[in-house]
Amino acid sequence: MSDVSALTGLTLKDALAGLAERRFSSEEITRAHIGVVEAARPLNAFVLETPDLALEMARASDARRASGDAGPLEGAPIGVKDLFCTKGVRSTAGSRILGNFTPPYESTVTANLWRDGAVMLGKLNMDEFAMGSSNETSAFGPVVNPWRAEGSNRDLTPGGSSGGSAAAVAADLVLGATATDTGGSIRQPASLTGTVGIKPTYGRCSRWGVVAFASSLDQAGPIARTVEDAAILLRSMSGHDPKDSTSLPGDVPDFAAFVGRSPKGLRIGVPKEYRANGMPPEIEALWAQGVAWLKDAGCEVVEVSLPHTKYALPAYYIIAPAEASSNLARYDGMRYGLRVDGSSLNEVYEETRAAGFGDEVKRRILIGTYVLSAGYYDAYYLKAQKVRRRIADDFDAAFAGVDALLTPTAPSAAFGLGENNADPVAMYLNDIFTVTVNLAGLPALSLPGGLDSQGLPLGLQLIGRALDEGTLFTIAGALEKAADFRAKPRRWW
């Protein structure tokens, strides 16, 4: 098989089957993907392409398969969000301050993927230090969503911060991609690009070697084309890591085995507080359609209450910047990355950080430093942590009576690049349905449910109990089958 579109249009599952059946080699499918990545540069999804390394990894993969030593992802070309440190390959977190930093070590998540035979096509664009909801804070410029509204040539956001990962999957540039989610950065881009993304339980995937934003909220996960593809990737990405003190012990389930099971008899909660003022009718209609699909699949759907939801966004935007201000103090121009000389040590610090950090990162550092300062710690940070506890309690109470929750993923379809730049609060509202999950450390999955009137994808979100990703995959598989979402972006690049 040599037709490029036939190879790049495969799901991860089908590509792995084709590789196992020797219908094509890893080198062939990798070359096909390298070609489409080069052709798709107008999307700006990649900040670094690694074609030579990809071919080297593909040939090694073909050799392993020939010797009967194939791993679960053997020969599959994927992309890596530039927040993951990759040994010998530049890793920038989308920021100028890291310069040409080339890590001498591999993140645990990517090491797990290479162990299982995956091939790296390159590093994917992202909001700077994962701070953003539109991929416009990247030092490498914004990613352009491969989707466009019907009859329009306007460039749209793919969402953020994992915009490069979502755009690359949606445009068939990769078979899957790593991503991270601190307040919705896997699920919101998945919703805006018609892809599937899962943020697993906090601690399911190791954070070692992932550039930190807010350590108690950050979690790695995959973005893929189908629910089953996401399950396959998540299994390889997961696992206990002694190098990460927050990594959860225990065996990793075969997540893909849950896809295709019947959800009959499961109780699904619909949180009444997620009916936000001004919610577009199309989002409301999709949510109602999701409820109908679940009832048809044999689920019982009940209304539940998460009373502290309205405090989640303000609490998140206190806790996350507070942790960011602490984590980003290490970027001082002394040991690695950008260094701007000055007449004194303080001036070096000031000039380096002024030149190296973008506006959104500076804003969040300032907010975080403010809420941690002596006069405001109790009034803001401590109060936000108490709200976080209440939000977790809300979920505990809800899950006493239901197996999962169904909500919209994002409050809108993809919006235009530059549309919300003048109003940071309007941008932050993109996370209104997603941040609660990070505050509580729970797993949540977004999958495409349909198109809006402009032909743009809309996502549904499933939220589950801690360490119960399996149930999410079962329900998501049923929703995916009912939605039968086959739409693809019209190729314009």
Protein backbone atom coordinates (compact mmCIF):
# COMPACT_ATOMS: atom_id res chain seq x y z
CA MET A 1 0.00 0.00 0.00
CA SER A 2 1.51 3.31 -1.04
CA ASP A 3 -1.41 5.77 -1.39
CA VAL A 4 -0.61 8.52 1.11
CA SER A 5 -4.21 9.38 2.03
CA ALA A 6 -5.01 5.69 2.50
CA LEU A 7 -2.21 5.50 5.08
CA THR A 8 -2.67 8.84 6.83
CA GLY A 9 -6.46 8.49 6.96
CA LEU A 10 -6.33 5.32 9.07
CA THR A 11 -7.34 5.20 12.69
CA LEU A 12 -4.58 4.18 15.08
CA LYS A 13 -6.30 0.81 15.60
CA ASP A 14 -6.51 0.13 11.85
CA ALA A 15 -2.92 1.30 11.29
CA LEU A 16 -1.66 -1.10 13.98
CA ALA A 17 -3.67 -3.91 12.37
CA GLY A 18 -2.18 -3.10 8.96
CA LEU A 19 1.33 -3.06 10.39
CA ALA A 20 0.74 -6.39 12.15
CA GLU A 21 -0.55 -7.94 8.92
CA ARG A 22 2.48 -6.58 7.01
CA ARG A 23 0.25 -4.69 4.55
CA PHE A 24 2.69 -1.80 4.92
CA SER A 25 5.80 -1.10 6.99
CA SER A 26 6.38 1.48 9.66
CA GLU A 27 8.80 3.22 7.31
CA GLU A 28 6.08 3.49 4.64
CA ILE A 29 3.40 4.90 6.95
CA THR A 30 5.95 7.21 8.58
CA ARG A 31 7.07 8.59 5.19
CA ALA A 32 3.43 9.20 4.29
CA HIS A 33 2.91 11.17 7.49
CA ILE A 34 6.13 13.15 7.05
CA GLY A 35 4.79 14.25 3.66
CA VAL A 36 1.44 15.46 4.99
CA VAL A 37 3.14 17.23 7.93
CA GLU A 38 5.30 19.20 5.47
CA ALA A 39 2.26 20.05 3.32
CA ALA A 40 0.30 21.24 6.37
CA ARG A 41 2.77 23.86 7.59
CA PRO A 42 0.15 26.64 7.13
CA LEU A 43 -1.62 25.10 10.16
CA ASN A 44 1.49 25.76 12.30
CA ALA A 45 0.69 22.62 14.30
CA PHE A 46 4.35 21.63 14.72
CA VAL A 47 7.08 23.72 16.32
CA LEU A 48 9.71 21.14 15.37
CA GLU A 49 9.52 18.40 12.75
CA THR A 50 11.85 15.42 13.27
CA PRO A 51 11.66 13.47 9.98
CA ASP A 52 15.15 11.92 10.22
CA LEU A 53 14.54 10.72 13.77
CA ALA A 54 11.10 9.43 12.76
CA LEU A 55 12.53 7.34 9.93
CA GLU A 56 15.27 6.02 12.21
CA MET A 57 12.65 4.98 14.77
CA ALA A 58 10.45 3.48 12.03
CA ARG A 59 13.28 1.32 10.67
CA ALA A 60 14.10 0.14 14.19
CA SER A 61 10.41 -0.66 14.64
CA ASP A 62 10.28 -2.67 11.43
CA ALA A 63 13.33 -4.61 12.60
CA ARG A 64 11.68 -5.40 15.94
CA ARG A 65 8.52 -6.57 14.21
CA ALA A 66 10.55 -8.79 11.86
CA SER A 67 12.21 -10.41 14.88
CA GLY A 68 8.83 -11.03 16.55
CA ASP A 69 9.34 -8.37 19.22
CA ALA A 70 6.51 -5.95 18.40
CA GLY A 71 5.10 -3.68 21.10
CA PRO A 72 1.47 -2.49 21.48
CA LEU A 73 2.12 0.67 19.43
CA GLU A 74 4.79 -0.79 17.16
CA GLY A 75 5.50 1.45 14.20
CA ALA A 76 2.72 4.03 14.76
CA PRO A 77 3.71 7.65 13.97
CA ILE A 78 2.49 10.15 16.59
CA GLY A 79 3.09 13.75 17.66
CA VAL A 80 4.30 15.02 21.05
CA LYS A 81 3.12 18.23 22.68
CA ASP A 82 6.15 20.44 23.28
CA LEU A 83 5.52 20.37 27.04
CA PHE A 84 7.03 16.85 27.20
CA CYS A 85 10.81 16.71 27.48
CA THR A 86 12.30 14.54 24.73
CA LYS A 87 15.91 13.43 25.04
CA GLY A 88 18.13 15.11 22.47
CA VAL A 89 15.18 16.95 20.88
CA ARG A 90 14.47 20.63 21.58
CA SER A 91 11.70 21.14 24.13
CA THR A 92 10.42 24.70 24.66
CA ALA A 93 6.95 24.59 26.31
CA GLY A 94 5.99 27.11 23.62
CA SER A 95 8.12 29.81 25.31
CA ARG A 96 11.07 31.99 24.36
CA ILE A 97 12.55 31.62 27.81
CA LEU A 98 13.58 28.01 27.26
CA GLY A 99 15.37 29.00 24.05
CA ASN A 100 16.88 25.93 22.38
CA PHE A 101 16.77 23.82 25.55
CA THR A 102 17.55 20.22 24.60
CA PRO A 103 16.83 17.85 27.48
CA PRO A 104 19.38 15.14 28.34
CA TYR A 105 16.48 12.97 29.57
CA GLU A 106 13.09 11.64 28.39
CA SER A 107 9.75 12.28 30.07
CA THR A 108 8.22 9.13 31.53
CA VAL A 109 5.12 9.35 29.33
CA THR A 110 7.10 9.58 26.08
CA ALA A 111 9.55 6.92 27.29
CA ASN A 112 6.53 4.62 27.78
CA LEU A 113 5.36 5.34 24.22
CA TRP A 114 8.80 4.66 22.70
CA ARG A 115 9.02 1.47 24.81
CA ASP A 116 5.78 0.32 23.19
CA GLY A 117 7.06 1.05 19.67
CA ALA A 118 5.59 4.47 18.77
CA VAL A 119 7.43 6.73 16.31
CA MET A 120 7.86 10.49 16.91
CA LEU A 121 7.08 12.82 13.98
CA GLY A 122 7.93 15.96 15.94
CA LYS A 123 6.97 18.40 18.68
CA LEU A 124 3.55 20.03 18.60
CA ASN A 125 2.68 23.69 19.13
CA MET A 126 0.94 24.81 22.32
CA ASP A 127 0.05 27.85 24.41
CA GLU A 128 3.12 29.10 26.30
CA PHE A 129 3.62 26.94 29.41
CA ALA A 130 0.13 25.53 28.68
CA MET A 131 -1.45 28.85 29.69
CA GLY A 132 -4.21 29.62 27.24
CA SER A 133 -7.44 28.44 25.63
CA SER A 134 -6.76 29.31 21.98
CA ASN A 135 -3.10 28.46 21.25
CA GLU A 136 -2.42 32.17 20.66
CA THR A 137 0.07 32.63 23.52
CA SER A 138 2.68 30.39 21.86
CA ALA A 139 6.03 32.01 21.11
CA PHE A 140 5.82 30.20 17.74
CA GLY A 141 2.55 31.85 16.73
CA PRO A 142 -1.00 30.48 16.81
CA VAL A 143 -2.08 27.11 15.48
CA VAL A 144 -4.83 27.34 12.87
CA ASN A 145 -7.79 24.99 13.22
CA PRO A 146 -8.11 22.78 10.11
CA TRP A 147 -11.89 23.33 10.36
CA ARG A 148 -13.47 26.40 8.80
CA ALA A 149 -17.04 27.64 9.01
CA GLU A 150 -19.11 26.96 5.90
CA GLY A 151 -18.61 29.66 3.30
CA SER A 152 -15.82 31.35 5.27
CA ASN A 153 -12.04 31.54 4.96
CA ARG A 154 -11.58 32.98 8.44
CA ASP A 155 -8.86 31.30 10.54
CA LEU A 156 -10.27 29.70 13.67
CA THR A 157 -8.62 28.59 16.91
CA PRO A 158 -8.15 24.87 17.56
CA GLY A 159 -8.47 25.59 21.30
CA GLY A 160 -5.71 25.39 23.86
CA SER A 161 -3.38 24.75 25.33
CA SER A 162 -3.02 21.50 23.34
CA GLY A 163 -4.01 23.19 20.07
CA GLY A 164 -1.18 21.69 18.05
CA SER A 165 -2.04 18.18 19.23
CA ALA A 166 -5.74 18.59 18.39
CA ALA A 167 -5.12 20.22 15.00
CA ALA A 168 -2.58 17.57 13.99
CA VAL A 169 -5.00 14.75 14.81
CA ALA A 170 -7.96 16.47 13.12
CA ALA A 171 -5.94 17.14 9.94
CA ASP A 172 -4.68 13.51 9.76
CA LEU A 173 -1.05 14.58 10.29
CA VAL A 174 -0.52 12.04 13.12
CA LEU A 175 -2.25 8.84 14.28
CA GLY A 176 -2.53 10.31 17.78
CA ALA A 177 -0.85 12.85 20.02
CA THR A 178 0.19 13.44 23.60
CA ALA A 179 -1.42 16.40 25.33
CA THR A 180 -1.82 17.82 28.84
CA ASP A 181 -4.82 19.17 30.74
CA THR A 182 -4.58 21.63 33.65
CA GLY A 183 -8.04 23.19 33.33
CA GLY A 184 -9.40 21.71 30.09
CA SER A 185 -6.41 21.80 27.74
CA ILE A 186 -7.10 18.33 26.30
CA ARG A 187 -10.88 18.38 26.26
CA GLN A 188 -11.58 21.91 24.96
CA PRO A 189 -9.27 21.53 21.91
CA ALA A 190 -10.76 18.08 21.24
CA SER A 191 -14.23 19.64 21.26
CA LEU A 192 -13.21 22.44 18.88
CA THR A 193 -11.55 20.07 16.37
CA GLY A 194 -13.90 17.07 16.29
CA THR A 195 -11.44 14.74 18.01
CA VAL A 196 -11.46 12.59 21.15
CA GLY A 197 -9.46 13.63 24.21
CA ILE A 198 -9.27 12.22 27.72
CA LYS A 199 -7.84 13.73 30.86
CA PRO A 200 -7.27 10.70 33.10
CA THR A 201 -7.41 10.60 36.88
CA TYR A 202 -4.74 12.81 38.49
CA GLY A 203 -1.70 10.57 38.99
CA ARG A 204 -2.64 8.05 36.27
CA CYS A 205 0.12 9.38 33.98
CA SER A 206 3.48 10.45 35.37
CA ARG A 207 4.28 14.17 35.39
CA TRP A 208 8.04 13.50 35.44
CA GLY A 209 9.68 15.27 32.52
CA VAL A 210 6.55 17.32 31.74
CA VAL A 211 7.22 21.07 32.10
CA ALA A 212 5.17 22.17 35.10
CA PHE A 213 2.38 24.75 35.03
CA ALA A 214 0.26 23.98 38.12
CA SER A 215 1.53 20.78 39.69
CA SER A 216 -1.62 19.79 41.58
CA LEU A 217 -3.74 20.16 38.43
CA ASP A 218 -1.52 19.10 35.47
CA GLN A 219 -2.23 15.71 33.92
CA ALA A 220 -1.11 14.12 30.66
CA GLY A 221 -3.47 12.34 28.30
CA PRO A 222 -4.02 11.54 24.60
CA ILE A 223 -5.90 13.19 21.76
CA ALA A 224 -6.98 10.76 19.06
CA ARG A 225 -9.51 10.23 16.28
CA THR A 226 -11.69 7.66 18.01
CA VAL A 227 -12.59 6.58 21.53
CA GLU A 228 -10.77 3.28 21.05
CA ASP A 229 -7.64 5.02 19.72
CA ALA A 230 -7.61 7.22 22.85
CA ALA A 231 -7.94 4.10 25.02
CA ILE A 232 -5.01 2.41 23.23
CA LEU A 233 -2.77 5.46 23.70
CA LEU A 234 -3.77 6.03 27.32
CA ARG A 235 -2.78 2.49 28.28
CA SER A 236 0.75 3.03 26.98
CA MET A 237 1.03 6.51 28.53
CA SER A 238 -0.13 5.38 32.00
CA GLY A 239 1.62 3.58 34.84
CA HIS A 240 3.22 4.11 38.21
CA ASP A 241 6.46 6.07 38.22
CA PRO A 242 8.64 6.23 41.36
CA LYS A 243 10.16 9.47 40.00
CA ASP A 244 6.78 11.24 40.46
CA SER A 245 5.57 11.40 44.06
CA THR A 246 1.97 11.96 42.87
CA SER A 247 2.00 8.96 40.52
CA LEU A 248 -0.61 6.37 41.49
CA PRO A 249 0.45 2.78 42.17
CA GLY A 250 -1.43 -0.18 40.74
CA ASP A 251 -1.86 -1.96 37.43
CA VAL A 252 -3.04 -0.18 34.29
CA PRO A 253 -6.27 -1.64 32.89
CA ASP A 254 -6.70 -2.56 29.23
CA PHE A 255 -8.78 0.54 28.52
CA ALA A 256 -9.61 -0.53 24.95
CA ALA A 257 -11.37 -3.61 26.31
CA PHE A 258 -14.06 -1.35 27.79
CA VAL A 259 -14.95 0.16 24.40
CA GLY A 260 -17.84 -1.68 22.80
CA ARG A 261 -19.35 -2.95 26.04
CA SER A 262 -23.00 -2.16 26.65
CA PRO A 263 -23.67 0.73 29.06
CA LYS A 264 -27.13 -0.68 29.78
CA GLY A 265 -28.14 -0.20 33.41
CA LEU A 266 -25.63 2.59 34.12
CA ARG A 267 -26.94 5.74 35.80
CA ILE A 268 -25.82 9.00 34.19
CA GLY A 269 -26.09 12.33 36.00
CA VAL A 270 -26.83 15.65 34.30
CA PRO A 271 -25.60 18.53 36.52
CA LYS A 272 -28.19 21.30 36.55
CA GLU A 273 -25.53 23.93 37.36
CA TYR A 274 -23.89 23.38 33.94
CA ARG A 275 -26.81 25.12 32.22
CA ALA A 276 -24.93 28.39 31.97
CA ASN A 277 -26.56 31.72 31.19
CA GLY A 278 -26.25 32.55 27.52
CA MET A 279 -25.41 29.00 26.52
CA PRO A 280 -25.87 28.73 22.72
CA PRO A 281 -29.05 26.81 21.80
CA GLU A 282 -26.96 24.42 19.68
CA ILE A 283 -24.91 23.39 22.73
CA GLU A 284 -28.11 22.88 24.71
CA ALA A 285 -29.60 20.83 21.85
CA LEU A 286 -26.49 18.64 21.57
CA TRP A 287 -26.58 18.00 25.32
CA ALA A 288 -30.24 16.93 25.06
CA GLN A 289 -29.33 14.71 22.12
CA GLY A 290 -26.58 13.09 24.19
CA VAL A 291 -29.12 12.34 26.92
CA ALA A 292 -31.45 10.77 24.33
CA TRP A 293 -28.62 8.62 22.95
CA LEU A 294 -27.76 7.34 26.41
CA LYS A 295 -31.40 6.51 27.16
CA ASP A 296 -31.59 4.60 23.87
CA ALA A 297 -28.48 2.66 24.95
CA GLY A 298 -30.26 1.56 28.13
CA CYS A 299 -28.86 4.10 30.59
CA GLU A 300 -30.92 5.81 33.25
CA VAL A 301 -30.42 9.57 33.16
CA VAL A 302 -31.08 11.65 36.29
CA GLU A 303 -30.51 15.29 37.26
CA VAL A 304 -27.81 15.90 39.88
CA SER A 305 -26.56 19.00 41.68
CA LEU A 306 -22.98 20.26 41.93
CA PRO A 307 -23.76 23.39 43.95
CA HIS A 308 -20.24 24.83 44.14
CA THR A 309 -19.73 24.80 40.35
CA LYS A 310 -20.16 28.58 40.09
CA TYR A 311 -17.08 29.08 42.28
CA ALA A 312 -14.86 26.71 40.27
CA LEU A 313 -13.52 29.16 37.69
CA PRO A 314 -12.51 31.87 40.20
CA ALA A 315 -10.96 29.23 42.50
CA TYR A 316 -9.05 27.72 39.56
CA TYR A 317 -7.73 31.12 38.48
CA ILE A 318 -6.34 31.64 41.98
CA ILE A 319 -4.84 28.17 42.55
CA ALA A 320 -3.35 27.65 39.06
CA PRO A 321 -1.54 31.03 38.89
CA ALA A 322 -0.31 30.59 42.47
CA GLU A 323 1.33 27.28 41.56
CA ALA A 324 2.58 28.75 38.28
CA SER A 325 4.29 31.66 40.03
CA SER A 326 6.15 29.15 42.16
CA ASN A 327 6.99 26.72 39.33
CA LEU A 328 8.14 29.41 36.91
CA ALA A 329 10.55 30.99 39.40
CA ARG A 330 13.16 28.50 38.14
CA TYR A 331 13.45 30.34 34.80
CA ASP A 332 16.05 32.93 35.69
CA GLY A 333 18.62 32.81 32.88
CA MET A 334 21.22 31.12 35.09
CA ARG A 335 21.30 27.43 34.14
CA TYR A 336 19.54 26.92 30.79
CA GLY A 337 17.45 28.69 28.19
CA LEU A 338 17.39 32.40 27.41
CA ARG A 339 19.77 34.77 29.22
CA VAL A 340 19.72 38.53 28.83
CA ASP A 341 22.82 40.15 30.31
CA GLY A 342 22.55 43.00 32.81
CA SER A 343 24.71 45.07 35.09
CA SER A 344 23.63 43.14 38.20
CA LEU A 345 22.16 39.77 39.15
CA ASN A 346 18.73 41.30 39.70
CA GLU A 347 18.87 42.99 36.31
CA VAL A 348 19.73 39.69 34.60
CA TYR A 349 16.70 38.12 36.26
CA GLU A 350 14.43 41.01 35.34
CA GLU A 351 15.57 41.40 31.73
CA THR A 352 15.58 37.65 31.06
CA ARG A 353 12.08 37.13 32.41
CA ALA A 354 10.75 40.29 30.71
CA ALA A 355 12.07 39.14 27.34
CA GLY A 356 11.39 35.43 27.80
CA PHE A 357 7.82 35.31 29.09
CA GLY A 358 4.78 36.30 27.05
CA ASP A 359 1.99 38.57 28.30
CA GLU A 360 -0.36 35.81 29.48
CA VAL A 361 2.38 34.05 31.44
CA LYS A 362 3.41 37.36 33.03
CA ARG A 363 -0.22 38.03 33.92
CA ARG A 364 -0.59 34.68 35.66
CA ILE A 365 2.73 34.99 37.51
CA LEU A 366 1.63 38.40 38.81
CA ILE A 367 -1.78 37.07 39.87
CA GLY A 368 -0.15 34.07 41.54
CA THR A 369 2.44 36.12 43.39
CA TYR A 370 -0.29 38.51 44.55
CA VAL A 371 -2.59 35.81 45.98
CA LEU A 372 0.34 34.16 47.77
CA SER A 373 1.58 37.39 49.33
CA ALA A 374 1.39 37.86 53.09
CA GLY A 375 -1.60 40.19 53.12
CA TYR A 376 -3.75 38.17 50.70
CA TYR A 377 -2.87 34.50 51.26
CA ASP A 378 -5.81 33.86 53.62
CA ALA A 379 -8.28 35.99 51.68
CA TYR A 380 -7.60 34.40 48.31
CA TYR A 381 -5.40 31.29 48.19
CA LEU A 382 -6.63 29.62 51.38
CA LYS A 383 -10.25 30.38 50.53
CA ALA A 384 -9.79 28.95 47.01
CA GLN A 385 -8.38 25.72 48.48
CA LYS A 386 -11.45 25.42 50.71
CA VAL A 387 -13.69 25.89 47.67
CA ARG A 388 -11.68 23.18 45.90
CA ARG A 389 -12.49 20.79 48.74
CA ARG A 390 -16.19 21.65 48.47
CA ILE A 391 -16.13 20.99 44.71
CA ALA A 392 -14.58 17.55 45.31
CA ASP A 393 -17.25 16.87 47.94
CA ASP A 394 -19.96 17.78 45.39
CA PHE A 395 -18.62 15.15 43.02
CA ASP A 396 -18.39 12.55 45.80
CA ALA A 397 -22.05 13.16 46.66
CA ALA A 398 -23.11 12.94 43.01
CA PHE A 399 -21.17 9.72 42.38
CA ALA A 400 -22.90 8.08 45.33
CA GLY A 401 -25.92 7.85 43.02
CA VAL A 402 -24.59 7.84 39.45
CA ASP A 403 -21.83 6.14 37.45
CA ALA A 404 -20.83 9.14 35.30
CA LEU A 405 -21.87 12.68 34.41
CA LEU A 406 -22.74 14.09 30.97
CA THR A 407 -22.11 17.77 30.17
CA PRO A 408 -21.09 19.93 27.20
CA THR A 409 -17.31 20.22 26.80
CA ALA A 410 -17.04 23.86 25.76
CA PRO A 411 -19.45 26.81 25.72
CA SER A 412 -19.04 27.36 21.96
CA ALA A 413 -17.66 25.97 18.74
CA ALA A 414 -14.27 27.17 17.47
CA PHE A 415 -14.00 30.97 17.47
CA GLY A 416 -11.87 33.24 15.34
CA LEU A 417 -8.19 33.82 16.05
CA GLY A 418 -7.89 37.15 17.83
CA GLU A 419 -11.57 37.21 18.78
CA ASN A 420 -11.14 37.05 22.57
CA ASN A 421 -7.63 38.46 22.92
CA ALA A 422 -8.72 41.83 24.30
CA ASP A 423 -10.62 40.28 27.20
CA PRO A 424 -8.76 37.71 29.32
CA VAL A 425 -11.91 36.88 31.29
CA ALA A 426 -13.82 36.03 28.09
CA MET A 427 -10.95 33.68 27.20
CA TYR A 428 -10.97 32.11 30.67
CA LEU A 429 -14.70 31.35 30.30
CA ASN A 430 -13.80 28.71 27.70
CA ASP A 431 -12.87 26.51 30.68
CA ILE A 432 -16.21 26.89 32.45
CA PHE A 433 -17.25 23.23 31.97
CA THR A 434 -13.80 21.68 32.40
CA VAL A 435 -11.96 23.19 35.39
CA THR A 436 -14.08 21.46 38.07
CA VAL A 437 -12.66 18.11 36.97
CA ASN A 438 -9.05 19.22 37.43
CA LEU A 439 -9.80 20.71 40.85
CA ALA A 440 -11.26 17.34 41.93
CA GLY A 441 -8.61 15.18 40.19
CA LEU A 442 -11.23 13.17 38.27
CA PRO A 443 -11.10 11.62 34.78
CA ALA A 444 -13.09 13.25 31.96
CA LEU A 445 -13.40 12.60 28.24
CA SER A 446 -14.56 14.75 25.33
CA LEU A 447 -15.90 13.27 22.11
CA PRO A 448 -17.50 14.88 19.04
CA GLY A 449 -21.29 14.84 19.10
CA GLY A 450 -22.20 16.75 15.96
CA LEU A 451 -21.82 19.95 13.94
CA ASP A 452 -23.27 23.39 14.55
CA SER A 453 -25.14 25.43 11.92
CA GLN A 454 -21.80 26.62 10.49
CA GLY A 455 -20.50 23.08 10.09
CA LEU A 456 -18.12 23.26 13.06
CA PRO A 457 -17.74 20.39 15.56
CA LEU A 458 -19.25 20.41 19.05
CA GLY A 459 -18.17 18.11 21.89
CA LEU A 460 -19.84 16.21 24.71
CA GLN A 461 -18.00 15.65 28.00
CA LEU A 462 -18.21 12.60 30.26
CA ILE A 463 -16.91 12.85 33.84
CA GLY A 464 -16.18 9.73 35.89
CA ARG A 465 -15.13 8.56 39.31
CA ALA A 466 -11.44 8.56 40.18
CA LEU A 467 -9.63 5.65 38.48
CA ASP A 468 -12.81 4.64 36.62
CA GLU A 469 -11.72 5.56 33.11
CA GLY A 470 -13.05 2.17 31.98
CA THR A 471 -16.66 3.21 32.54
CA LEU A 472 -16.03 6.45 30.63
CA PHE A 473 -14.69 4.47 27.67
CA THR A 474 -17.76 2.18 27.74
CA ILE A 475 -20.20 5.12 27.74
CA ALA A 476 -18.12 7.11 25.24
CA GLY A 477 -18.07 4.11 22.89
CA ALA A 478 -21.87 3.98 22.97
CA LEU A 479 -22.16 7.74 22.37
CA GLU A 480 -19.64 7.57 19.53
CA LYS A 481 -21.65 4.81 17.86
CA ALA A 482 -24.91 6.76 18.24
CA ALA A 483 -23.44 10.08 17.06
CA ASP A 484 -21.74 8.40 14.07
CA PHE A 485 -19.55 11.48 13.66
CA ARG A 486 -17.70 11.07 10.36
CA ALA A 487 -17.23 14.70 9.34
CA LYS A 488 -13.73 15.84 8.40
CA PRO A 489 -12.39 19.34 7.83
CA ARG A 490 -12.36 20.45 4.21
CA ARG A 491 -8.72 20.61 3.15
CA TRP A 492 -7.70 24.20 2.41
CA TRP A 493 -4.04 24.23 3.45
